[in-house]
Amino acid sequence: MSLHFLINTLFNALNLLLFVRVILSWVPNLPYHPIVESIYKVTDPLLKPFQNLFPTNKLGIDFSPILAFMTLSLIRKILFMIF
């Protein structure tokens, strides 16, 4: 396997998990279900820095997933240029 393939796979997985988390926030779910807990454990470190910058309670809308998607895309492009 090439490094390019591994980086791409990792970022695709992170994007998928972020997307699933966004969907979970729109529908009733079981927050203590092991799968849901796992998704939150992986995505929380990606979202928390942006949630601290733009608190949801003031705006009413959580922009952190959008910012996380954009940041992941930028990091992926930088890594592809390096490797």
PDB file of N, CA and C in Angstrom:
ATOM      1  N   MET A   1       0.839  -1.182   0.000  1.00  0.00           N
ATOM      2  CA  MET A   1       0.000   0.000   0.000  1.00  0.00           C
ATOM      3  C   MET A   1       0.884   1.246   0.000  1.00  0.00           C
ATOM      4  N   SER A   2       0.425   2.229  -0.705  1.00  0.00           N
ATOM      5  CA  SER A   2       1.187   3.472  -0.749  1.00  0.00           C
ATOM      6  C   SER A   2       0.756   4.397   0.396  1.00  0.00           C
ATOM      7  N   LEU A   3       1.628   5.307   0.737  1.00  0.00           N
ATOM      8  CA  LEU A   3       1.326   6.281   1.776  1.00  0.00           C
ATOM      9  C   LEU A   3       0.152   7.166   1.358  1.00  0.00           C
ATOM     10  N   HIS A   4       0.093   7.475   0.078  1.00  0.00           N
ATOM     11  CA  HIS A   4      -1.004   8.292  -0.467  1.00  0.00           C
ATOM     12  C   HIS A   4      -2.347   7.596  -0.212  1.00  0.00           C
ATOM     13  N   PHE A   5      -2.394   6.299  -0.454  1.00  0.00           N
ATOM     14  CA  PHE A   5      -3.619   5.528  -0.249  1.00  0.00           C
ATOM     15  C   PHE A   5      -4.014   5.518   1.228  1.00  0.00           C
ATOM     16  N   LEU A   6      -3.047   5.335   2.130  1.00  0.00           N
ATOM     17  CA  LEU A   6      -3.339   5.300   3.563  1.00  0.00           C
ATOM     18  C   LEU A   6      -3.855   6.648   4.065  1.00  0.00           C
ATOM     19  N   ILE A   7      -3.218   7.729   3.624  1.00  0.00           N
ATOM     20  CA  ILE A   7      -3.675   9.066   4.021  1.00  0.00           C
ATOM     21  C   ILE A   7      -5.092   9.300   3.519  1.00  0.00           C
ATOM     22  N   ASN A   8      -5.338   8.951   2.279  1.00  0.00           N
ATOM     23  CA  ASN A   8      -6.659   9.144   1.687  1.00  0.00           C
ATOM     24  C   ASN A   8      -7.711   8.327   2.431  1.00  0.00           C
ATOM     25  N   THR A   9      -7.398   7.102   2.755  1.00  0.00           N
ATOM     26  CA  THR A   9      -8.335   6.232   3.477  1.00  0.00           C
ATOM     27  C   THR A   9      -8.639   6.786   4.863  1.00  0.00           C
ATOM     28  N   LEU A  10      -7.610   7.254   5.565  1.00  0.00           N
ATOM     29  CA  LEU A  10      -7.803   7.823   6.897  1.00  0.00           C
ATOM     30  C   LEU A  10      -8.716   9.044   6.843  1.00  0.00           C
ATOM     31  N   PHE A  11      -8.459   9.941   5.910  1.00  0.00           N
ATOM     32  CA  PHE A  11      -9.273  11.153   5.818  1.00  0.00           C
ATOM     33  C   PHE A  11     -10.692  10.849   5.345  1.00  0.00           C
ATOM     34  N   ASN A  12     -10.851   9.875   4.478  1.00  0.00           N
ATOM     35  CA  ASN A  12     -12.204   9.467   4.073  1.00  0.00           C
ATOM     36  C   ASN A  12     -12.979   8.908   5.262  1.00  0.00           C
ATOM     37  N   ALA A  13     -12.309   8.118   6.091  1.00  0.00           N
ATOM     38  CA  ALA A  13     -12.956   7.557   7.274  1.00  0.00           C
ATOM     39  C   ALA A  13     -13.355   8.665   8.250  1.00  0.00           C
ATOM     40  N   LEU A  14     -12.467   9.631   8.462  1.00  0.00           N
ATOM     41  CA  LEU A  14     -12.794  10.749   9.358  1.00  0.00           C
ATOM     42  C   LEU A  14     -13.962  11.562   8.819  1.00  0.00           C
ATOM     43  N   ASN A  15     -13.977  11.816   7.526  1.00  0.00           N
ATOM     44  CA  ASN A  15     -15.098  12.552   6.923  1.00  0.00           C
ATOM     45  C   ASN A  15     -16.401  11.782   7.068  1.00  0.00           C
ATOM     46  N   LEU A  16     -16.349  10.467   6.881  1.00  0.00           N
ATOM     47  CA  LEU A  16     -17.547   9.653   7.034  1.00  0.00           C
ATOM     48  C   LEU A  16     -18.054   9.696   8.475  1.00  0.00           C
ATOM     49  N   LEU A  17     -17.158   9.576   9.433  1.00  0.00           N
ATOM     50  CA  LEU A  17     -17.561   9.629  10.835  1.00  0.00           C
ATOM     51  C   LEU A  17     -18.150  10.995  11.198  1.00  0.00           C
ATOM     52  N   LEU A  18     -17.562  12.056  10.682  1.00  0.00           N
ATOM     53  CA  LEU A  18     -18.133  13.387  10.915  1.00  0.00           C
ATOM     54  C   LEU A  18     -19.527  13.502  10.311  1.00  0.00           C
ATOM     55  N   PHE A  19     -19.698  12.980   9.108  1.00  0.00           N
ATOM     56  CA  PHE A  19     -21.002  13.013   8.452  1.00  0.00           C
ATOM     57  C   PHE A  19     -22.034  12.233   9.268  1.00  0.00           C
ATOM     58  N   VAL A  20     -21.657  11.066   9.751  1.00  0.00           N
ATOM     59  CA  VAL A  20     -22.568  10.247  10.570  1.00  0.00           C
ATOM     60  C   VAL A  20     -22.920  11.000  11.848  1.00  0.00           C
ATOM     61  N   ARG A  21     -21.939  11.677  12.433  1.00  0.00           N
ATOM     62  CA  ARG A  21     -22.224  12.439  13.656  1.00  0.00           C
ATOM     63  C   ARG A  21     -23.216  13.563  13.383  1.00  0.00           C
ATOM     64  N   VAL A  22     -23.079  14.235  12.260  1.00  0.00           N
ATOM     65  CA  VAL A  22     -24.030  15.290  11.906  1.00  0.00           C
ATOM     66  C   VAL A  22     -25.434  14.705  11.774  1.00  0.00           C
ATOM     67  N   ILE A  23     -25.543  13.581  11.092  1.00  0.00           N
ATOM     68  CA  ILE A  23     -26.853  12.926  10.928  1.00  0.00           C
ATOM     69  C   ILE A  23     -27.405  12.520  12.294  1.00  0.00           C
ATOM     70  N   LEU A  24     -26.541  11.989  13.168  1.00  0.00           N
ATOM     71  CA  LEU A  24     -26.994  11.594  14.502  1.00  0.00           C
ATOM     72  C   LEU A  24     -27.521  12.785  15.298  1.00  0.00           C
ATOM     73  N   SER A  25     -26.998  13.957  15.046  1.00  0.00           N
ATOM     74  CA  SER A  25     -27.478  15.130  15.785  1.00  0.00           C
ATOM     75  C   SER A  25     -28.866  15.566  15.319  1.00  0.00           C
ATOM     76  N   TRP A  26     -29.278  15.118  14.152  1.00  0.00           N
ATOM     77  CA  TRP A  26     -30.587  15.489  13.615  1.00  0.00           C
ATOM     78  C   TRP A  26     -31.688  14.506  13.971  1.00  0.00           C
ATOM     79  N   VAL A  27     -31.321  13.293  14.330  1.00  0.00           N
ATOM     80  CA  VAL A  27     -32.316  12.263  14.607  1.00  0.00           C
ATOM     81  C   VAL A  27     -32.163  11.784  16.050  1.00  0.00           C
ATOM     82  N   PRO A  28     -33.258  11.333  16.644  1.00  0.00           N
ATOM     83  CA  PRO A  28     -33.143  10.764  17.992  1.00  0.00           C
ATOM     84  C   PRO A  28     -32.217   9.544  17.962  1.00  0.00           C
ATOM     85  N   ASN A  29     -31.334   9.470  18.936  1.00  0.00           N
ATOM     86  CA  ASN A  29     -30.425   8.339  18.995  1.00  0.00           C
ATOM     87  C   ASN A  29     -30.187   7.943  20.441  1.00  0.00           C
ATOM     88  N   LEU A  30     -29.498   6.849  20.610  1.00  0.00           N
ATOM     89  CA  LEU A  30     -29.142   6.366  21.935  1.00  0.00           C
ATOM     90  C   LEU A  30     -27.714   6.820  22.232  1.00  0.00           C
ATOM     91  N   PRO A  31     -27.544   7.890  23.010  1.00  0.00           N
ATOM     92  CA  PRO A  31     -26.203   8.444  23.205  1.00  0.00           C
ATOM     93  C   PRO A  31     -25.239   7.493  23.911  1.00  0.00           C
ATOM     94  N   TYR A  32     -25.758   6.482  24.601  1.00  0.00           N
ATOM     95  CA  TYR A  32     -24.872   5.563  25.312  1.00  0.00           C
ATOM     96  C   TYR A  32     -24.693   4.243  24.580  1.00  0.00           C
ATOM     97  N   HIS A  33     -25.177   4.179  23.348  1.00  0.00           N
ATOM     98  CA  HIS A  33     -24.939   2.998  22.525  1.00  0.00           C
ATOM     99  C   HIS A  33     -23.449   2.960  22.191  1.00  0.00           C
ATOM    100  N   PRO A  34     -22.831   1.772  22.241  1.00  0.00           N
ATOM    101  CA  PRO A  34     -21.377   1.688  22.011  1.00  0.00           C
ATOM    102  C   PRO A  34     -20.910   2.276  20.677  1.00  0.00           C
ATOM    103  N   ILE A  35     -21.693   2.124  19.628  1.00  0.00           N
ATOM    104  CA  ILE A  35     -21.292   2.670  18.327  1.00  0.00           C
ATOM    105  C   ILE A  35     -21.356   4.193  18.346  1.00  0.00           C
ATOM    106  N   VAL A  36     -22.427   4.727  18.919  1.00  0.00           N
ATOM    107  CA  VAL A  36     -22.581   6.185  19.004  1.00  0.00           C
ATOM    108  C   VAL A  36     -21.476   6.769  19.885  1.00  0.00           C
ATOM    109  N   GLU A  37     -21.186   6.121  21.001  1.00  0.00           N
ATOM    110  CA  GLU A  37     -20.101   6.580  21.876  1.00  0.00           C
ATOM    111  C   GLU A  37     -18.769   6.583  21.148  1.00  0.00           C
ATOM    112  N   SER A  38     -18.519   5.555  20.358  1.00  0.00           N
ATOM    113  CA  SER A  38     -17.266   5.471  19.600  1.00  0.00           C
ATOM    114  C   SER A  38     -17.156   6.594  18.583  1.00  0.00           C
ATOM    115  N   ILE A  39     -18.246   6.877  17.902  1.00  0.00           N
ATOM    116  CA  ILE A  39     -18.247   7.968  16.915  1.00  0.00           C
ATOM    117  C   ILE A  39     -17.950   9.295  17.615  1.00  0.00           C
ATOM    118  N   TYR A  40     -18.559   9.509  18.767  1.00  0.00           N
ATOM    119  CA  TYR A  40     -18.320  10.755  19.500  1.00  0.00           C
ATOM    120  C   TYR A  40     -16.881  10.830  20.004  1.00  0.00           C
ATOM    121  N   LYS A  41     -16.316   9.719  20.450  1.00  0.00           N
ATOM    122  CA  LYS A  41     -14.929   9.724  20.940  1.00  0.00           C
ATOM    123  C   LYS A  41     -13.945  10.071  19.832  1.00  0.00           C
ATOM    124  N   VAL A  42     -14.227   9.630  18.608  1.00  0.00           N
ATOM    125  CA  VAL A  42     -13.325   9.912  17.487  1.00  0.00           C
ATOM    126  C   VAL A  42     -13.524  11.336  16.975  1.00  0.00           C
ATOM    127  N   THR A  43     -14.752  11.798  16.928  1.00  0.00           N
ATOM    128  CA  THR A  43     -15.026  13.101  16.318  1.00  0.00           C
ATOM    129  C   THR A  43     -14.931  14.275  17.291  1.00  0.00           C
ATOM    130  N   ASP A  44     -15.073  14.036  18.576  1.00  0.00           N
ATOM    131  CA  ASP A  44     -14.989  15.139  19.546  1.00  0.00           C
ATOM    132  C   ASP A  44     -13.687  15.930  19.440  1.00  0.00           C
ATOM    133  N   PRO A  45     -12.522  15.275  19.368  1.00  0.00           N
ATOM    134  CA  PRO A  45     -11.280  16.061  19.251  1.00  0.00           C
ATOM    135  C   PRO A  45     -11.214  16.908  17.982  1.00  0.00           C
ATOM    136  N   LEU A  46     -11.933  16.505  16.938  1.00  0.00           N
ATOM    137  CA  LEU A  46     -11.960  17.291  15.710  1.00  0.00           C
ATOM    138  C   LEU A  46     -12.885  18.497  15.827  1.00  0.00           C
ATOM    139  N   LEU A  47     -13.952  18.350  16.594  1.00  0.00           N
ATOM    140  CA  LEU A  47     -14.973  19.394  16.668  1.00  0.00           C
ATOM    141  C   LEU A  47     -14.773  20.379  17.822  1.00  0.00           C
ATOM    142  N   LYS A  48     -14.221  19.924  18.928  1.00  0.00           N
ATOM    143  CA  LYS A  48     -14.115  20.763  20.128  1.00  0.00           C
ATOM    144  C   LYS A  48     -13.400  22.091  19.897  1.00  0.00           C
ATOM    145  N   PRO A  49     -12.266  22.123  19.182  1.00  0.00           N
ATOM    146  CA  PRO A  49     -11.617  23.429  18.974  1.00  0.00           C
ATOM    147  C   PRO A  49     -12.529  24.436  18.269  1.00  0.00           C
ATOM    148  N   PHE A  50     -13.313  23.975  17.319  1.00  0.00           N
ATOM    149  CA  PHE A  50     -14.218  24.871  16.595  1.00  0.00           C
ATOM    150  C   PHE A  50     -15.435  25.231  17.435  1.00  0.00           C
ATOM    151  N   GLN A  51     -15.883  24.303  18.272  1.00  0.00           N
ATOM    152  CA  GLN A  51     -17.017  24.593  19.156  1.00  0.00           C
ATOM    153  C   GLN A  51     -16.627  25.631  20.202  1.00  0.00           C
ATOM    154  N   ASN A  52     -15.347  25.627  20.593  1.00  0.00           N
ATOM    155  CA  ASN A  52     -14.881  26.641  21.543  1.00  0.00           C
ATOM    156  C   ASN A  52     -14.803  28.017  20.884  1.00  0.00           C
ATOM    157  N   LEU A  53     -14.485  28.058  19.599  1.00  0.00           N
ATOM    158  CA  LEU A  53     -14.413  29.335  18.881  1.00  0.00           C
ATOM    159  C   LEU A  53     -15.792  29.939  18.638  1.00  0.00           C
ATOM    160  N   PHE A  54     -16.745  29.078  18.272  1.00  0.00           N
ATOM    161  CA  PHE A  54     -18.100  29.512  17.947  1.00  0.00           C
ATOM    162  C   PHE A  54     -19.099  28.706  18.767  1.00  0.00           C
ATOM    163  N   PRO A  55     -19.361  29.116  19.999  1.00  0.00           N
ATOM    164  CA  PRO A  55     -20.291  28.354  20.841  1.00  0.00           C
ATOM    165  C   PRO A  55     -21.682  28.266  20.215  1.00  0.00           C
ATOM    166  N   THR A  56     -22.247  27.087  20.250  1.00  0.00           N
ATOM    167  CA  THR A  56     -23.558  26.836  19.656  1.00  0.00           C
ATOM    168  C   THR A  56     -24.658  27.591  20.390  1.00  0.00           C
ATOM    169  N   ASN A  57     -24.542  27.695  21.698  1.00  0.00           N
ATOM    170  CA  ASN A  57     -25.629  28.308  22.472  1.00  0.00           C
ATOM    171  C   ASN A  57     -25.849  29.769  22.109  1.00  0.00           C
ATOM    172  N   LYS A  58     -24.841  30.478  21.633  1.00  0.00           N
ATOM    173  CA  LYS A  58     -25.020  31.879  21.239  1.00  0.00           C
ATOM    174  C   LYS A  58     -25.616  32.004  19.840  1.00  0.00           C
ATOM    175  N   LEU A  59     -25.178  31.154  18.936  1.00  0.00           N
ATOM    176  CA  LEU A  59     -25.617  31.255  17.544  1.00  0.00           C
ATOM    177  C   LEU A  59     -26.827  30.388  17.231  1.00  0.00           C
ATOM    178  N   GLY A  60     -26.990  29.306  17.970  1.00  0.00           N
ATOM    179  CA  GLY A  60     -28.088  28.390  17.702  1.00  0.00           C
ATOM    180  C   GLY A  60     -27.778  27.378  16.613  1.00  0.00           C
ATOM    181  N   ILE A  61     -26.668  27.572  15.925  1.00  0.00           N
ATOM    182  CA  ILE A  61     -26.245  26.659  14.862  1.00  0.00           C
ATOM    183  C   ILE A  61     -24.809  26.241  15.144  1.00  0.00           C
ATOM    184  N   ASP A  62     -24.540  24.964  14.980  1.00  0.00           N
ATOM    185  CA  ASP A  62     -23.191  24.448  15.210  1.00  0.00           C
ATOM    186  C   ASP A  62     -22.435  24.416  13.885  1.00  0.00           C
ATOM    187  N   PHE A  63     -21.495  25.331  13.736  1.00  0.00           N
ATOM    188  CA  PHE A  63     -20.689  25.405  12.523  1.00  0.00           C
ATOM    189  C   PHE A  63     -19.443  24.525  12.591  1.00  0.00           C
ATOM    190  N   SER A  64     -19.214  23.880  13.717  1.00  0.00           N
ATOM    191  CA  SER A  64     -17.980  23.108  13.889  1.00  0.00           C
ATOM    192  C   SER A  64     -17.806  21.979  12.863  1.00  0.00           C
ATOM    193  N   PRO A  65     -18.853  21.254  12.454  1.00  0.00           N
ATOM    194  CA  PRO A  65     -18.626  20.229  11.433  1.00  0.00           C
ATOM    195  C   PRO A  65     -18.166  20.810  10.097  1.00  0.00           C
ATOM    196  N   ILE A  66     -18.724  21.946   9.711  1.00  0.00           N
ATOM    197  CA  ILE A  66     -18.321  22.570   8.448  1.00  0.00           C
ATOM    198  C   ILE A  66     -16.851  22.962   8.517  1.00  0.00           C
ATOM    199  N   LEU A  67     -16.467  23.577   9.627  1.00  0.00           N
ATOM    200  CA  LEU A  67     -15.076  23.983   9.792  1.00  0.00           C
ATOM    201  C   LEU A  67     -14.149  22.776   9.872  1.00  0.00           C
ATOM    202  N   ALA A  68     -14.616  21.698  10.503  1.00  0.00           N
ATOM    203  CA  ALA A  68     -13.799  20.481  10.583  1.00  0.00           C
ATOM    204  C   ALA A  68     -13.620  19.856   9.199  1.00  0.00           C
ATOM    205  N   PHE A  69     -14.685  19.807   8.397  1.00  0.00           N
ATOM    206  CA  PHE A  69     -14.570  19.284   7.030  1.00  0.00           C
ATOM    207  C   PHE A  69     -13.566  20.108   6.220  1.00  0.00           C
ATOM    208  N   MET A  70     -13.651  21.416   6.352  1.00  0.00           N
ATOM    209  CA  MET A  70     -12.744  22.287   5.601  1.00  0.00           C
ATOM    210  C   MET A  70     -11.297  22.101   6.062  1.00  0.00           C
ATOM    211  N   THR A  71     -11.097  21.991   7.360  1.00  0.00           N
ATOM    212  CA  THR A  71      -9.757  21.807   7.901  1.00  0.00           C
ATOM    213  C   THR A  71      -9.174  20.461   7.490  1.00  0.00           C
ATOM    214  N   LEU A  72      -9.985  19.409   7.548  1.00  0.00           N
ATOM    215  CA  LEU A  72      -9.510  18.090   7.121  1.00  0.00           C
ATOM    216  C   LEU A  72      -9.127  18.108   5.642  1.00  0.00           C
ATOM    217  N   SER A  73      -9.907  18.790   4.840  1.00  0.00           N
ATOM    218  CA  SER A  73      -9.596  18.892   3.415  1.00  0.00           C
ATOM    219  C   SER A  73      -8.275  19.622   3.192  1.00  0.00           C
ATOM    220  N   LEU A  74      -8.065  20.696   3.923  1.00  0.00           N
ATOM    221  CA  LEU A  74      -6.822  21.451   3.803  1.00  0.00           C
ATOM    222  C   LEU A  74      -5.622  20.614   4.248  1.00  0.00           C
ATOM    223  N   ILE A  75      -5.757  19.921   5.366  1.00  0.00           N
ATOM    224  CA  ILE A  75      -4.661  19.078   5.867  1.00  0.00           C
ATOM    225  C   ILE A  75      -4.354  17.960   4.879  1.00  0.00           C
ATOM    226  N   ARG A  76      -5.392  17.369   4.305  1.00  0.00           N
ATOM    227  CA  ARG A  76      -5.192  16.305   3.312  1.00  0.00           C
ATOM    228  C   ARG A  76      -4.408  16.841   2.106  1.00  0.00           C
ATOM    229  N   LYS A  77      -4.790  18.020   1.614  1.00  0.00           N
ATOM    230  CA  LYS A  77      -4.089  18.608   0.464  1.00  0.00           C
ATOM    231  C   LYS A  77      -2.632  18.897   0.798  1.00  0.00           C
ATOM    232  N   ILE A  78      -2.389  19.407   1.984  1.00  0.00           N
ATOM    233  CA  ILE A  78      -1.007  19.692   2.406  1.00  0.00           C
ATOM    234  C   ILE A  78      -0.203  18.398   2.473  1.00  0.00           C
ATOM    235  N   LEU A  79      -0.776  17.365   3.066  1.00  0.00           N
ATOM    236  CA  LEU A  79      -0.073  16.082   3.167  1.00  0.00           C
ATOM    237  C   LEU A  79       0.196  15.487   1.786  1.00  0.00           C
ATOM    238  N   PHE A  80      -0.741  15.631   0.859  1.00  0.00           N
ATOM    239  CA  PHE A  80      -0.513  15.121  -0.503  1.00  0.00           C
ATOM    240  C   PHE A  80       0.598  15.881  -1.200  1.00  0.00           C
ATOM    241  N   MET A  81       0.727  17.171  -0.922  1.00  0.00           N
ATOM    242  CA  MET A  81       1.819  17.931  -1.536  1.00  0.00           C
ATOM    243  C   MET A  81       3.170  17.528  -0.934  1.00  0.00           C
ATOM    244  N   ILE A  82       3.173  17.207   0.356  1.00  0.00           N
ATOM    245  CA  ILE A  82       4.415  16.816   1.020  1.00  0.00           C
ATOM    246  C   ILE A  82       4.850  15.420   0.605  1.00  0.00           C
ATOM    247  N   PHE A  83       3.898  14.494   0.563  1.00  0.00           N
ATOM    248  CA  PHE A  83       4.235  13.102   0.265  1.00  0.00           C
ATOM    249  C   PHE A  83       3.877  12.844  -1.164  1.00  0.00           C
TER     250      PHE A  83
END
